[in-house]
């Protein structure tokens, strides 16, 4: 059960990071997409780092 939960959390964090990078590389970025991209990428990275700390 712990392995499935780990895979799910890591997968969701990677999806959030991917969407954030997609927003950052938007063809015509405005301020909203830029801030959303930075925020989503940061939240995904914080989630990965925070969850990896709890596994130690």
C-alpha atoms as a PDB file:
ATOM      1  CA  UNK A   1       0.000   0.000   0.000  1.00  0.00           C
ATOM      2  CA  UNK A   2       2.844   2.364   0.825  1.00  0.00           C
ATOM      3  CA  UNK A   3       4.418   1.733  -2.590  1.00  0.00           C
ATOM      4  CA  UNK A   4       1.202   2.569  -4.457  1.00  0.00           C
ATOM      5  CA  UNK A   5       0.796   5.761  -2.423  1.00  0.00           C
ATOM      6  CA  UNK A   6       4.385   6.776  -3.148  1.00  0.00           C
ATOM      7  CA  UNK A   7       3.952   6.200  -6.881  1.00  0.00           C
ATOM      8  CA  UNK A   8       0.688   8.164  -6.888  1.00  0.00           C
ATOM      9  CA  UNK A   9       2.128  11.162  -5.023  1.00  0.00           C
ATOM     10  CA  UNK A  10       5.281  11.279  -7.166  1.00  0.00           C
ATOM     11  CA  UNK A  11       3.210  10.963 -10.351  1.00  0.00           C
ATOM     12  CA  UNK A  12       0.880  13.793  -9.313  1.00  0.00           C
ATOM     13  CA  UNK A  13       3.824  16.023  -8.383  1.00  0.00           C
ATOM     14  CA  UNK A  14       5.439  15.369 -11.772  1.00  0.00           C
ATOM     15  CA  UNK A  15       2.157  16.171 -13.527  1.00  0.00           C
ATOM     16  CA  UNK A  16       1.916  19.478 -11.647  1.00  0.00           C
ATOM     17  CA  UNK A  17       5.530  20.298 -12.552  1.00  0.00           C
ATOM     18  CA  UNK A  18       4.844  19.410 -16.200  1.00  0.00           C
ATOM     19  CA  UNK A  19       1.784  21.637 -16.388  1.00  0.00           C
ATOM     20  CA  UNK A  20       3.751  24.451 -14.756  1.00  0.00           C
ATOM     21  CA  UNK A  21       6.540  24.123 -17.309  1.00  0.00           C
ATOM     22  CA  UNK A  22       3.925  24.045 -20.078  1.00  0.00           C
ATOM     23  CA  UNK A  23       2.522  27.334 -18.766  1.00  0.00           C
ATOM     24  CA  UNK A  24       6.018  28.822 -18.608  1.00  0.00           C
ATOM     25  CA  UNK A  25       6.684  27.845 -22.227  1.00  0.00           C
ATOM     26  CA  UNK A  26       3.355  29.136 -23.489  1.00  0.00           C
ATOM     27  CA  UNK A  27       3.610  30.623 -27.020  1.00  0.00           C
ATOM     28  CA  UNK A  28       2.037  33.934 -25.986  1.00  0.00           C
ATOM     29  CA  UNK A  29       2.547  34.200 -22.233  1.00  0.00           C
ATOM     30  CA  UNK A  30       0.798  36.887 -20.274  1.00  0.00           C
ATOM     31  CA  UNK A  31       1.236  37.673 -16.616  1.00  0.00           C
ATOM     32  CA  UNK A  32      -1.350  35.130 -15.462  1.00  0.00           C
ATOM     33  CA  UNK A  33       0.203  32.164 -17.295  1.00  0.00           C
ATOM     34  CA  UNK A  34       3.697  33.164 -16.162  1.00  0.00           C
ATOM     35  CA  UNK A  35       2.702  33.427 -12.487  1.00  0.00           C
ATOM     36  CA  UNK A  36       0.658  30.208 -12.729  1.00  0.00           C
ATOM     37  CA  UNK A  37       3.605  28.378 -14.285  1.00  0.00           C
ATOM     38  CA  UNK A  38       5.998  29.537 -11.608  1.00  0.00           C
ATOM     39  CA  UNK A  39       3.524  28.690  -8.844  1.00  0.00           C
ATOM     40  CA  UNK A  40       2.661  25.224 -10.167  1.00  0.00           C
ATOM     41  CA  UNK A  41       6.296  24.321 -10.764  1.00  0.00           C
ATOM     42  CA  UNK A  42       7.193  25.488  -7.261  1.00  0.00           C
ATOM     43  CA  UNK A  43       4.325  23.592  -5.645  1.00  0.00           C
ATOM     44  CA  UNK A  44       5.279  20.406  -7.499  1.00  0.00           C
ATOM     45  CA  UNK A  45       8.919  20.705  -6.469  1.00  0.00           C
ATOM     46  CA  UNK A  46       7.955  21.434  -2.863  1.00  0.00           C
ATOM     47  CA  UNK A  47       5.676  18.402  -2.884  1.00  0.00           C
ATOM     48  CA  UNK A  48       8.422  16.125  -4.165  1.00  0.00           C
ATOM     49  CA  UNK A  49      10.980  17.449  -1.689  1.00  0.00           C
ATOM     50  CA  UNK A  50       8.545  17.372   1.226  1.00  0.00           C
ATOM     51  CA  UNK A  51       7.412  13.843   0.531  1.00  0.00           C
ATOM     52  CA  UNK A  52      10.969  12.602   0.062  1.00  0.00           C
ATOM     53  CA  UNK A  53      11.876  14.120   3.449  1.00  0.00           C
ATOM     54  CA  UNK A  54       9.003  12.268   5.102  1.00  0.00           C
ATOM     55  CA  UNK A  55      10.283   8.985   3.641  1.00  0.00           C
ATOM     56  CA  UNK A  56      13.684   9.392   5.345  1.00  0.00           C
END
